[in-house]
């Protein structure tokens, strides 16, 4: 699927993968759409600001956040899955 820019929040579907910002880990997946709110799910990696003989300490996390469907926001759609 070709990426689609300017997709409104109101047009998103479950499991859509979108670009929220042009930074590393700036993509998120639509986890839930309920009561006019979209819940996004986004993994991220954080590293310590020092190294040791084993390299650098890495932490993997998950961020969940919500936006209102009616907020007027737009995103770039990377992938749309046809859920069964």
Protein backbone atom coordinates (compact mmCIF):
# COMPACT_ATOMS: atom_id res chain seq x y z
CA UNK A 1 0.00 0.00 0.00
CA UNK A 2 1.22 3.47 -0.85
CA UNK A 3 1.32 5.94 2.03
CA UNK A 4 -1.57 8.39 2.11
CA UNK A 5 -1.02 11.86 3.56
CA UNK A 6 -3.72 14.01 5.08
CA UNK A 7 -5.90 11.23 6.50
CA UNK A 8 -8.27 12.71 9.10
CA UNK A 9 -8.59 11.09 12.52
CA UNK A 10 -12.26 10.45 11.73
CA UNK A 11 -11.20 8.26 8.75
CA UNK A 12 -8.91 5.96 10.74
CA UNK A 13 -9.70 2.31 11.33
CA UNK A 14 -8.53 -0.25 13.87
CA UNK A 15 -4.96 -1.51 13.30
CA UNK A 16 -4.07 1.39 10.97
CA UNK A 17 -0.38 2.28 11.20
CA UNK A 18 0.22 6.02 10.98
CA UNK A 19 3.07 8.53 11.04
CA UNK A 20 2.58 11.01 13.88
CA UNK A 21 5.93 12.78 13.53
CA UNK A 22 9.10 12.56 11.48
CA UNK A 23 11.26 11.26 14.35
CA UNK A 24 12.54 7.80 15.15
CA UNK A 25 9.63 5.75 16.54
CA UNK A 26 7.24 8.41 15.26
CA UNK A 27 4.74 5.81 14.06
CA UNK A 28 1.80 4.42 16.00
CA UNK A 29 -0.96 1.85 15.57
CA UNK A 30 -4.65 2.51 16.17
CA UNK A 31 -5.51 0.24 19.09
CA UNK A 32 -9.08 1.31 19.83
CA UNK A 33 -11.75 3.68 18.60
CA UNK A 34 -14.46 4.19 21.20
CA UNK A 35 -16.74 7.00 22.37
CA UNK A 36 -15.18 9.52 19.98
CA UNK A 37 -11.64 8.78 21.15
CA UNK A 38 -8.79 7.06 19.31
CA UNK A 39 -6.23 5.16 21.37
CA UNK A 40 -2.81 4.89 19.77
CA UNK A 41 -0.13 2.34 20.69
CA UNK A 42 3.54 3.11 20.08
CA UNK A 43 6.72 1.23 21.02
CA UNK A 44 9.87 3.18 21.80
CA UNK A 45 13.48 2.63 22.85
CA UNK A 46 15.41 4.63 25.40
CA UNK A 47 19.15 4.35 26.07
CA UNK A 48 21.19 5.55 29.01
CA UNK A 49 23.61 8.41 28.42
CA UNK A 50 26.66 6.32 29.32
CA UNK A 51 28.31 3.14 28.10
CA UNK A 52 30.08 0.27 29.82
CA UNK A 53 32.00 -2.84 28.70
CA UNK A 54 28.75 -4.47 27.59
CA UNK A 55 27.75 -1.49 25.45
CA UNK A 56 24.86 0.79 26.34
CA UNK A 57 21.80 0.00 28.45
CA UNK A 58 18.64 -0.15 26.34
CA UNK A 59 15.07 0.00 27.54
CA UNK A 60 12.03 -0.84 25.42
CA UNK A 61 8.70 0.67 26.33
CA UNK A 62 5.17 1.10 25.14
CA UNK A 63 3.29 4.37 25.07
CA UNK A 64 -0.49 4.58 24.78
CA UNK A 65 -2.23 7.89 24.29
CA UNK A 66 -5.58 9.16 23.06
CA UNK A 67 -6.86 11.87 20.75
CA UNK A 68 -10.37 13.02 20.00
CA UNK A 69 -11.78 11.93 16.66
CA UNK A 70 -13.22 15.44 16.29
CA UNK A 71 -9.95 17.28 16.99
CA UNK A 72 -9.43 17.91 13.28
CA UNK A 73 -5.99 16.31 13.22
CA UNK A 74 -4.49 14.58 10.21
CA UNK A 75 -1.84 11.88 9.87
CA UNK A 76 -0.01 9.96 7.17
CA UNK A 77 -1.39 6.44 6.76
CA UNK A 78 1.38 3.85 6.29
CA UNK A 79 -0.59 0.64 6.43
CA UNK A 80 -4.22 -0.41 6.57
CA UNK A 81 -5.13 -3.97 7.50
CA UNK A 82 -8.45 -5.40 6.48
CA UNK A 83 -9.55 -6.89 9.78
CA UNK A 84 -11.81 -9.91 9.68
